[in-house]
Amino acid sequence: MILITTGIVVALVICSCRLTRVGYETADYLVTGKDSRFEIREYPALDLVSTPMAKSPDSEGGSFMRLFSYISGDNESAQKIPMTTPVFMEESGVNTQMSFVIPQDVAKKGIPDGLKPSIKITKLIKGRYAVYRIKGRRSAMKGEEAKLALREWLRSQNLDSAGPFIVASYDPPFTPSMLQRNEVMVRLK
């Protein structure tokens, strides 16, 4: 009886963690190639709301809460905006930023500006992206290992990158490590 109860509890936890992602709009893309944990994807231009973050993805420096405040109504229209996936973290030289994808229906009607100067409306550039899936919970070390693996794979495929690496996280932090979806991606020339 204990094994059955434990099995049911584990199944419910797994299902509930998977369902946390299901309720959110996810950025559109088309997979045009796949090789193990690597994919080539076509992304349309995506509207983003972005804010600076601490250098390390492990220490977001309040950036998530600034963006969450924006989508909770701390914007020029006092509009509540639904959460989306993934959360993008882009490192470009000394600048690092975190971004939420703006839902398509909000983008069509007009994106409200943020009330804080640290909140900016930006875009993910339309194009082909190489993507590498990180196993388990993301960390700075796993991110660096993923970037290295992606660089080596790009070299083996004779592909050149055309921008900074972006970490994409799809799940809330309470999702068990084995169920988390995290990726590193880079735009291709």
Foldseek 3Di string as FASTA:
>chain_A
DVVVVVVVVVVVLQVVQVVVLVVAAEFDWAFPDDDPQKTKIWGAKFKKKKFWAPPWPVGRHCRVVLVCVVLCQQFPVSHRFTFHFWWKWWDAPPTIMIITTGDPVPVVVPPTGGPDPRIDIDIDHGAMKMKGKQQFDDGRVSVVVQVVVSVVVCVVVVWAFDGTKMKTWRGDPVRGRRNTTIMIMTGTD
